[in-house]
Amino acid sequence: MCGKNTEHLRETGYFGGCPVCHGDDGYFNVGRGHWFVCDRHRVKWCLGANLFSSWKFETEDEQRRNFEKFRPYREVKPYHPPTLSA
């Protein structure tokens, strides 16, 4: 699974988080699409497509395995922390 190079942004909730615990366990790619997951709550959410270059370095088989692994996870709307206003 991908996501190591984005850890500093994940800690701030930049990419959204699990609606239950507000965390994430990284992301995986399906084609150019990037899906974040929470293993504890078995949920996933799509961040978007072609935002990270990691998909270019994965084989179709690697992406297929991740897709199958996370297929049973429920798709959710991610949690985003409230913005602070000055």
PDB file of N, CA and C in Angstrom:
ATOM      1  N   MET A   1       0.841  -1.174   0.000  1.00  0.00           N
ATOM      2  CA  MET A   1       0.000   0.000   0.000  1.00  0.00           C
ATOM      3  C   MET A   1       0.883   1.233   0.000  1.00  0.00           C
ATOM      4  N   CYS A   2       0.382   2.313  -0.518  1.00  0.00           N
ATOM      5  CA  CYS A   2       1.145   3.554  -0.638  1.00  0.00           C
ATOM      6  C   CYS A   2       0.871   4.456   0.560  1.00  0.00           C
ATOM      7  N   GLY A   3       1.396   5.654   0.513  1.00  0.00           N
ATOM      8  CA  GLY A   3       1.050   6.651   1.506  1.00  0.00           C
ATOM      9  C   GLY A   3       2.165   7.071   2.425  1.00  0.00           C
ATOM     10  N   LYS A   4       3.318   6.450   2.349  1.00  0.00           N
ATOM     11  CA  LYS A   4       4.405   6.811   3.258  1.00  0.00           C
ATOM     12  C   LYS A   4       4.893   8.237   3.019  1.00  0.00           C
ATOM     13  N   ASN A   5       4.963   8.661   1.772  1.00  0.00           N
ATOM     14  CA  ASN A   5       5.474   9.997   1.478  1.00  0.00           C
ATOM     15  C   ASN A   5       4.456  11.096   1.768  1.00  0.00           C
ATOM     16  N   THR A   6       3.262  10.749   2.177  1.00  0.00           N
ATOM     17  CA  THR A   6       2.235  11.743   2.474  1.00  0.00           C
ATOM     18  C   THR A   6       1.897  11.786   3.962  1.00  0.00           C
ATOM     19  N   GLU A   7       2.700  11.102   4.784  1.00  0.00           N
ATOM     20  CA  GLU A   7       2.373  10.975   6.201  1.00  0.00           C
ATOM     21  C   GLU A   7       2.222  12.323   6.895  1.00  0.00           C
ATOM     22  N   HIS A   8       3.082  13.297   6.590  1.00  0.00           N
ATOM     23  CA  HIS A   8       2.986  14.600   7.254  1.00  0.00           C
ATOM     24  C   HIS A   8       1.663  15.295   6.936  1.00  0.00           C
ATOM     25  N   LEU A   9       1.101  15.091   5.754  1.00  0.00           N
ATOM     26  CA  LEU A   9      -0.189  15.689   5.421  1.00  0.00           C
ATOM     27  C   LEU A   9      -1.339  14.870   6.001  1.00  0.00           C
ATOM     28  N   ARG A  10      -1.156  13.568   6.103  1.00  0.00           N
ATOM     29  CA  ARG A  10      -2.197  12.723   6.673  1.00  0.00           C
ATOM     30  C   ARG A  10      -2.431  13.070   8.126  1.00  0.00           C
ATOM     31  N   GLU A  11      -1.367  13.402   8.867  1.00  0.00           N
ATOM     32  CA  GLU A  11      -1.495  13.711  10.287  1.00  0.00           C
ATOM     33  C   GLU A  11      -2.371  14.933  10.537  1.00  0.00           C
ATOM     34  N   THR A  12      -2.480  15.811   9.573  1.00  0.00           N
ATOM     35  CA  THR A  12      -3.286  17.019   9.737  1.00  0.00           C
ATOM     36  C   THR A  12      -4.716  16.841   9.255  1.00  0.00           C
ATOM     37  N   GLY A  13      -5.041  15.665   8.710  1.00  0.00           N
ATOM     38  CA  GLY A  13      -6.370  15.455   8.161  1.00  0.00           C
ATOM     39  C   GLY A  13      -6.534  16.065   6.789  1.00  0.00           C
ATOM     40  N   TYR A  14      -5.441  16.398   6.154  1.00  0.00           N
ATOM     41  CA  TYR A  14      -5.468  17.067   4.852  1.00  0.00           C
ATOM     42  C   TYR A  14      -6.250  16.273   3.810  1.00  0.00           C
ATOM     43  N   PHE A  15      -6.146  14.953   3.866  1.00  0.00           N
ATOM     44  CA  PHE A  15      -6.817  14.100   2.892  1.00  0.00           C
ATOM     45  C   PHE A  15      -8.129  13.530   3.422  1.00  0.00           C
ATOM     46  N   GLY A  16      -8.571  14.020   4.541  1.00  0.00           N
ATOM     47  CA  GLY A  16      -9.768  13.488   5.169  1.00  0.00           C
ATOM     48  C   GLY A  16      -9.401  12.290   6.025  1.00  0.00           C
ATOM     49  N   GLY A  17     -10.357  11.822   6.766  1.00  0.00           N
ATOM     50  CA  GLY A  17     -10.115  10.694   7.648  1.00  0.00           C
ATOM     51  C   GLY A  17     -11.360   9.853   7.804  1.00  0.00           C
ATOM     52  N   CYS A  18     -11.192   8.767   8.508  1.00  0.00           N
ATOM     53  CA  CYS A  18     -12.308   7.874   8.812  1.00  0.00           C
ATOM     54  C   CYS A  18     -13.372   8.676   9.565  1.00  0.00           C
ATOM     55  N   PRO A  19     -14.630   8.545   9.204  1.00  0.00           N
ATOM     56  CA  PRO A  19     -15.668   9.298   9.912  1.00  0.00           C
ATOM     57  C   PRO A  19     -15.865   8.851  11.359  1.00  0.00           C
ATOM     58  N   VAL A  20     -15.317   7.698  11.731  1.00  0.00           N
ATOM     59  CA  VAL A  20     -15.455   7.211  13.106  1.00  0.00           C
ATOM     60  C   VAL A  20     -14.273   7.665  13.963  1.00  0.00           C
ATOM     61  N   CYS A  21     -13.038   7.350  13.517  1.00  0.00           N
ATOM     62  CA  CYS A  21     -11.851   7.640  14.338  1.00  0.00           C
ATOM     63  C   CYS A  21     -11.021   8.812  13.824  1.00  0.00           C
ATOM     64  N   HIS A  22     -11.341   9.310  12.661  1.00  0.00           N
ATOM     65  CA  HIS A  22     -10.679  10.449  12.016  1.00  0.00           C
ATOM     66  C   HIS A  22      -9.274  10.144  11.505  1.00  0.00           C
ATOM     67  N   GLY A  23      -8.855   8.896  11.571  1.00  0.00           N
ATOM     68  CA  GLY A  23      -7.528   8.517  11.101  1.00  0.00           C
ATOM     69  C   GLY A  23      -7.577   7.854   9.735  1.00  0.00           C
ATOM     70  N   ASP A  24      -6.419   7.348   9.296  1.00  0.00           N
ATOM     71  CA  ASP A  24      -6.358   6.555   8.080  1.00  0.00           C
ATOM     72  C   ASP A  24      -5.156   5.631   8.158  1.00  0.00           C
ATOM     73  N   ASP A  25      -5.179   4.625   7.327  1.00  0.00           N
ATOM     74  CA  ASP A  25      -4.098   3.656   7.265  1.00  0.00           C
ATOM     75  C   ASP A  25      -3.394   3.696   5.913  1.00  0.00           C
ATOM     76  N   GLY A  26      -3.369   4.862   5.296  1.00  0.00           N
ATOM     77  CA  GLY A  26      -2.703   5.003   4.010  1.00  0.00           C
ATOM     78  C   GLY A  26      -3.681   4.901   2.862  1.00  0.00           C
ATOM     79  N   TYR A  27      -3.131   4.743   1.678  1.00  0.00           N
ATOM     80  CA  TYR A  27      -3.972   4.688   0.494  1.00  0.00           C
ATOM     81  C   TYR A  27      -3.475   3.630  -0.464  1.00  0.00           C
ATOM     82  N   PHE A  28      -4.350   3.285  -1.405  1.00  0.00           N
ATOM     83  CA  PHE A  28      -3.994   2.387  -2.490  1.00  0.00           C
ATOM     84  C   PHE A  28      -4.479   3.014  -3.785  1.00  0.00           C
ATOM     85  N   ASN A  29      -3.961   2.527  -4.882  1.00  0.00           N
ATOM     86  CA  ASN A  29      -4.309   3.064  -6.189  1.00  0.00           C
ATOM     87  C   ASN A  29      -5.121   2.060  -6.982  1.00  0.00           C
ATOM     88  N   VAL A  30      -6.082   2.570  -7.709  1.00  0.00           N
ATOM     89  CA  VAL A  30      -6.794   1.799  -8.726  1.00  0.00           C
ATOM     90  C   VAL A  30      -6.693   2.635  -9.984  1.00  0.00           C
ATOM     91  N   GLY A  31      -5.847   2.199 -10.899  1.00  0.00           N
ATOM     92  CA  GLY A  31      -5.541   3.051 -12.043  1.00  0.00           C
ATOM     93  C   GLY A  31      -4.923   4.327 -11.508  1.00  0.00           C
ATOM     94  N   ARG A  32      -5.446   5.446 -11.932  1.00  0.00           N
ATOM     95  CA  ARG A  32      -4.950   6.746 -11.461  1.00  0.00           C
ATOM     96  C   ARG A  32      -5.648   7.219 -10.196  1.00  0.00           C
ATOM     97  N   GLY A  33      -6.671   6.487  -9.755  1.00  0.00           N
ATOM     98  CA  GLY A  33      -7.448   6.875  -8.579  1.00  0.00           C
ATOM     99  C   GLY A  33      -6.756   6.484  -7.284  1.00  0.00           C
ATOM    100  N   HIS A  34      -6.911   7.334  -6.263  1.00  0.00           N
ATOM    101  CA  HIS A  34      -6.286   7.121  -4.954  1.00  0.00           C
ATOM    102  C   HIS A  34      -7.382   6.954  -3.902  1.00  0.00           C
ATOM    103  N   TRP A  35      -7.332   5.827  -3.188  1.00  0.00           N
ATOM    104  CA  TRP A  35      -8.317   5.494  -2.172  1.00  0.00           C
ATOM    105  C   TRP A  35      -7.645   5.386  -0.815  1.00  0.00           C
ATOM    106  N   PHE A  36      -8.105   6.171   0.144  1.00  0.00           N
ATOM    107  CA  PHE A  36      -7.628   6.074   1.522  1.00  0.00           C
ATOM    108  C   PHE A  36      -8.516   5.079   2.264  1.00  0.00           C
ATOM    109  N   VAL A  37      -7.933   4.443   3.297  1.00  0.00           N
ATOM    110  CA  VAL A  37      -8.668   3.411   4.029  1.00  0.00           C
ATOM    111  C   VAL A  37      -8.463   3.544   5.532  1.00  0.00           C
ATOM    112  N   CYS A  38      -9.417   3.019   6.270  1.00  0.00           N
ATOM    113  CA  CYS A  38      -9.279   2.789   7.706  1.00  0.00           C
ATOM    114  C   CYS A  38      -9.541   1.302   7.908  1.00  0.00           C
ATOM    115  N   ASP A  39      -8.490   0.567   8.269  1.00  0.00           N
ATOM    116  CA  ASP A  39      -8.631  -0.883   8.448  1.00  0.00           C
ATOM    117  C   ASP A  39      -9.498  -1.230   9.651  1.00  0.00           C
ATOM    118  N   ARG A  40      -9.384  -0.454  10.712  1.00  0.00           N
ATOM    119  CA  ARG A  40     -10.146  -0.755  11.932  1.00  0.00           C
ATOM    120  C   ARG A  40     -11.653  -0.731  11.677  1.00  0.00           C
ATOM    121  N   HIS A  41     -12.104   0.267  10.896  1.00  0.00           N
ATOM    122  CA  HIS A  41     -13.535   0.422  10.663  1.00  0.00           C
ATOM    123  C   HIS A  41     -13.960  -0.062   9.278  1.00  0.00           C
ATOM    124  N   ARG A  42     -12.992  -0.588   8.525  1.00  0.00           N
ATOM    125  CA  ARG A  42     -13.242  -1.189   7.212  1.00  0.00           C
ATOM    126  C   ARG A  42     -14.000  -0.249   6.272  1.00  0.00           C
ATOM    127  N   VAL A  43     -13.475   0.980   6.179  1.00  0.00           N
ATOM    128  CA  VAL A  43     -14.057   1.984   5.281  1.00  0.00           C
ATOM    129  C   VAL A  43     -12.985   2.505   4.340  1.00  0.00           C
ATOM    130  N   LYS A  44     -13.439   3.085   3.230  1.00  0.00           N
ATOM    131  CA  LYS A  44     -12.540   3.666   2.232  1.00  0.00           C
ATOM    132  C   LYS A  44     -13.204   4.900   1.647  1.00  0.00           C
ATOM    133  N   TRP A  45     -12.373   5.826   1.150  1.00  0.00           N
ATOM    134  CA  TRP A  45     -12.886   7.017   0.475  1.00  0.00           C
ATOM    135  C   TRP A  45     -11.907   7.409  -0.616  1.00  0.00           C
ATOM    136  N   CYS A  46     -12.471   7.904  -1.692  1.00  0.00           N
ATOM    137  CA  CYS A  46     -11.661   8.277  -2.846  1.00  0.00           C
ATOM    138  C   CYS A  46     -11.222   9.726  -2.704  1.00  0.00           C
ATOM    139  N   LEU A  47      -9.921   9.936  -2.798  1.00  0.00           N
ATOM    140  CA  LEU A  47      -9.390  11.294  -2.716  1.00  0.00           C
ATOM    141  C   LEU A  47      -9.472  11.983  -4.061  1.00  0.00           C
ATOM    142  N   GLY A  48      -9.210  11.271  -5.119  1.00  0.00           N
ATOM    143  CA  GLY A  48      -9.205  11.841  -6.456  1.00  0.00           C
ATOM    144  C   GLY A  48      -8.311  11.012  -7.355  1.00  0.00           C
ATOM    145  N   ALA A  49      -7.900  11.602  -8.446  1.00  0.00           N
ATOM    146  CA  ALA A  49      -7.113  10.852  -9.425  1.00  0.00           C
ATOM    147  C   ALA A  49      -5.907  11.660  -9.877  1.00  0.00           C
ATOM    148  N   ASN A  50      -4.822  10.941 -10.099  1.00  0.00           N
ATOM    149  CA  ASN A  50      -3.595  11.504 -10.654  1.00  0.00           C
ATOM    150  C   ASN A  50      -2.984  12.603  -9.786  1.00  0.00           C
ATOM    151  N   LEU A  51      -3.194  12.509  -8.482  1.00  0.00           N
ATOM    152  CA  LEU A  51      -2.626  13.489  -7.553  1.00  0.00           C
ATOM    153  C   LEU A  51      -1.241  13.065  -7.083  1.00  0.00           C
ATOM    154  N   PHE A  52      -1.015  11.754  -6.975  1.00  0.00           N
ATOM    155  CA  PHE A  52       0.273  11.190  -6.576  1.00  0.00           C
ATOM    156  C   PHE A  52       0.805  10.377  -7.755  1.00  0.00           C
ATOM    157  N   SER A  53       2.098  10.361  -7.912  1.00  0.00           N
ATOM    158  CA  SER A  53       2.679   9.621  -9.031  1.00  0.00           C
ATOM    159  C   SER A  53       2.856   8.140  -8.736  1.00  0.00           C
ATOM    160  N   SER A  54       2.543   7.699  -7.534  1.00  0.00           N
ATOM    161  CA  SER A  54       2.787   6.305  -7.146  1.00  0.00           C
ATOM    162  C   SER A  54       2.100   5.305  -8.068  1.00  0.00           C
ATOM    163  N   TRP A  55       0.964   5.644  -8.625  1.00  0.00           N
ATOM    164  CA  TRP A  55       0.246   4.707  -9.487  1.00  0.00           C
ATOM    165  C   TRP A  55       1.073   4.331 -10.711  1.00  0.00           C
ATOM    166  N   LYS A  56       1.954   5.213 -11.144  1.00  0.00           N
ATOM    167  CA  LYS A  56       2.762   4.954 -12.340  1.00  0.00           C
ATOM    168  C   LYS A  56       3.773   3.835 -12.125  1.00  0.00           C
ATOM    169  N   PHE A  57       4.130   3.572 -10.867  1.00  0.00           N
ATOM    170  CA  PHE A  57       5.170   2.603 -10.554  1.00  0.00           C
ATOM    171  C   PHE A  57       4.617   1.264 -10.079  1.00  0.00           C
ATOM    172  N   GLU A  58       3.304   1.114 -10.135  1.00  0.00           N
ATOM    173  CA  GLU A  58       2.679  -0.138  -9.730  1.00  0.00           C
ATOM    174  C   GLU A  58       2.246  -0.929 -10.959  1.00  0.00           C
ATOM    175  N   THR A  59       2.345  -2.231 -10.847  1.00  0.00           N
ATOM    176  CA  THR A  59       1.868  -3.073 -11.939  1.00  0.00           C
ATOM    177  C   THR A  59       0.352  -3.198 -11.836  1.00  0.00           C
ATOM    178  N   GLU A  60      -0.245  -3.617 -12.918  1.00  0.00           N
ATOM    179  CA  GLU A  60      -1.683  -3.851 -12.915  1.00  0.00           C
ATOM    180  C   GLU A  60      -2.038  -4.931 -11.889  1.00  0.00           C
ATOM    181  N   ASP A  61      -1.178  -5.940 -11.754  1.00  0.00           N
ATOM    182  CA  ASP A  61      -1.431  -6.995 -10.764  1.00  0.00           C
ATOM    183  C   ASP A  61      -1.408  -6.453  -9.340  1.00  0.00           C
ATOM    184  N   GLU A  62      -0.474  -5.567  -9.030  1.00  0.00           N
ATOM    185  CA  GLU A  62      -0.416  -4.961  -7.688  1.00  0.00           C
ATOM    186  C   GLU A  62      -1.700  -4.188  -7.404  1.00  0.00           C
ATOM    187  N   GLN A  63      -2.121  -3.400  -8.373  1.00  0.00           N
ATOM    188  CA  GLN A  63      -3.338  -2.616  -8.184  1.00  0.00           C
ATOM    189  C   GLN A  63      -4.555  -3.523  -8.058  1.00  0.00           C
ATOM    190  N   ARG A  64      -4.608  -4.581  -8.825  1.00  0.00           N
ATOM    191  CA  ARG A  64      -5.727  -5.518  -8.757  1.00  0.00           C
ATOM    192  C   ARG A  64      -5.792  -6.179  -7.381  1.00  0.00           C
ATOM    193  N   ARG A  65      -4.649  -6.571  -6.835  1.00  0.00           N
ATOM    194  CA  ARG A  65      -4.619  -7.187  -5.501  1.00  0.00           C
ATOM    195  C   ARG A  65      -5.148  -6.219  -4.446  1.00  0.00           C
ATOM    196  N   ASN A  66      -4.709  -4.964  -4.505  1.00  0.00           N
ATOM    197  CA  ASN A  66      -5.219  -3.970  -3.547  1.00  0.00           C
ATOM    198  C   ASN A  66      -6.718  -3.760  -3.724  1.00  0.00           C
ATOM    199  N   PHE A  67      -7.157  -3.671  -4.967  1.00  0.00           N
ATOM    200  CA  PHE A  67      -8.585  -3.487  -5.226  1.00  0.00           C
ATOM    201  C   PHE A  67      -9.388  -4.626  -4.607  1.00  0.00           C
ATOM    202  N   GLU A  68      -8.932  -5.850  -4.798  1.00  0.00           N
ATOM    203  CA  GLU A  68      -9.638  -7.010  -4.251  1.00  0.00           C
ATOM    204  C   GLU A  68      -9.585  -7.024  -2.723  1.00  0.00           C
ATOM    205  N   LYS A  69      -8.441  -6.654  -2.155  1.00  0.00           N
ATOM    206  CA  LYS A  69      -8.296  -6.624  -0.701  1.00  0.00           C
ATOM    207  C   LYS A  69      -9.287  -5.661  -0.059  1.00  0.00           C
ATOM    208  N   PHE A  70      -9.479  -4.499  -0.684  1.00  0.00           N
ATOM    209  CA  PHE A  70     -10.323  -3.465  -0.089  1.00  0.00           C
ATOM    210  C   PHE A  70     -11.730  -3.419  -0.670  1.00  0.00           C
ATOM    211  N   ARG A  71     -12.059  -4.339  -1.567  1.00  0.00           N
ATOM    212  CA  ARG A  71     -13.399  -4.366  -2.153  1.00  0.00           C
ATOM    213  C   ARG A  71     -14.490  -4.414  -1.080  1.00  0.00           C
ATOM    214  N   PRO A  72     -14.340  -5.245  -0.012  1.00  0.00           N
ATOM    215  CA  PRO A  72     -15.417  -5.322   0.980  1.00  0.00           C
ATOM    216  C   PRO A  72     -15.550  -4.080   1.864  1.00  0.00           C
ATOM    217  N   TYR A  73     -14.553  -3.199   1.850  1.00  0.00           N
ATOM    218  CA  TYR A  73     -14.644  -1.996   2.677  1.00  0.00           C
ATOM    219  C   TYR A  73     -15.790  -1.126   2.159  1.00  0.00           C
ATOM    220  N   ARG A  74     -16.469  -0.492   3.095  1.00  0.00           N
ATOM    221  CA  ARG A  74     -17.602   0.373   2.756  1.00  0.00           C
ATOM    222  C   ARG A  74     -17.091   1.749   2.341  1.00  0.00           C
ATOM    223  N   GLU A  75     -17.608   2.262   1.239  1.00  0.00           N
ATOM    224  CA  GLU A  75     -17.221   3.601   0.790  1.00  0.00           C
ATOM    225  C   GLU A  75     -17.969   4.638   1.619  1.00  0.00           C
ATOM    226  N   VAL A  76     -17.224   5.630   2.123  1.00  0.00           N
ATOM    227  CA  VAL A  76     -17.805   6.652   2.988  1.00  0.00           C
ATOM    228  C   VAL A  76     -17.350   8.039   2.548  1.00  0.00           C
ATOM    229  N   LYS A  77     -18.026   9.021   3.094  1.00  0.00           N
ATOM    230  CA  LYS A  77     -17.591  10.411   2.961  1.00  0.00           C
ATOM    231  C   LYS A  77     -16.583  10.650   4.068  1.00  0.00           C
ATOM    232  N   PRO A  78     -15.377  11.149   3.752  1.00  0.00           N
ATOM    233  CA  PRO A  78     -14.354  11.295   4.800  1.00  0.00           C
ATOM    234  C   PRO A  78     -14.656  12.421   5.769  1.00  0.00           C
ATOM    235  N   TYR A  79     -14.106  12.270   6.954  1.00  0.00           N
ATOM    236  CA  TYR A  79     -14.151  13.326   7.961  1.00  0.00           C
ATOM    237  C   TYR A  79     -13.109  14.379   7.618  1.00  0.00           C
ATOM    238  N   HIS A  80     -13.476  15.644   7.731  1.00  0.00           N
ATOM    239  CA  HIS A  80     -12.524  16.754   7.602  1.00  0.00           C
ATOM    240  C   HIS A  80     -12.661  17.612   8.845  1.00  0.00           C
ATOM    241  N   PRO A  81     -11.523  17.917   9.489  1.00  0.00           N
ATOM    242  CA  PRO A  81     -11.621  18.721  10.713  1.00  0.00           C
ATOM    243  C   PRO A  81     -12.179  20.107  10.410  1.00  0.00           C
ATOM    244  N   PRO A  82     -12.873  20.688  11.378  1.00  0.00           N
ATOM    245  CA  PRO A  82     -13.400  22.044  11.170  1.00  0.00           C
ATOM    246  C   PRO A  82     -12.255  23.022  10.930  1.00  0.00           C
ATOM    247  N   THR A  83     -12.495  23.978  10.091  1.00  0.00           N
ATOM    248  CA  THR A  83     -11.476  24.981   9.814  1.00  0.00           C
ATOM    249  C   THR A  83     -11.452  26.019  10.933  1.00  0.00           C
ATOM    250  N   LEU A  84     -10.298  26.530  11.211  1.00  0.00           N
ATOM    251  CA  LEU A  84     -10.156  27.578  12.217  1.00  0.00           C
ATOM    252  C   LEU A  84     -10.293  28.919  11.532  1.00  0.00           C
ATOM    253  N   SER A  85     -11.105  29.775  12.097  1.00  0.00           N
ATOM    254  CA  SER A  85     -11.255  31.114  11.512  1.00  0.00           C
ATOM    255  C   SER A  85     -10.542  32.115  12.426  1.00  0.00           C
ATOM    256  N   ALA A  86      -9.961  33.086  11.792  1.00  0.00           N
ATOM    257  CA  ALA A  86      -9.192  34.089  12.548  1.00  0.00           C
ATOM    258  C   ALA A  86     -10.088  35.095  13.200  1.00  0.00           C
TER     259      ALA A  86
END
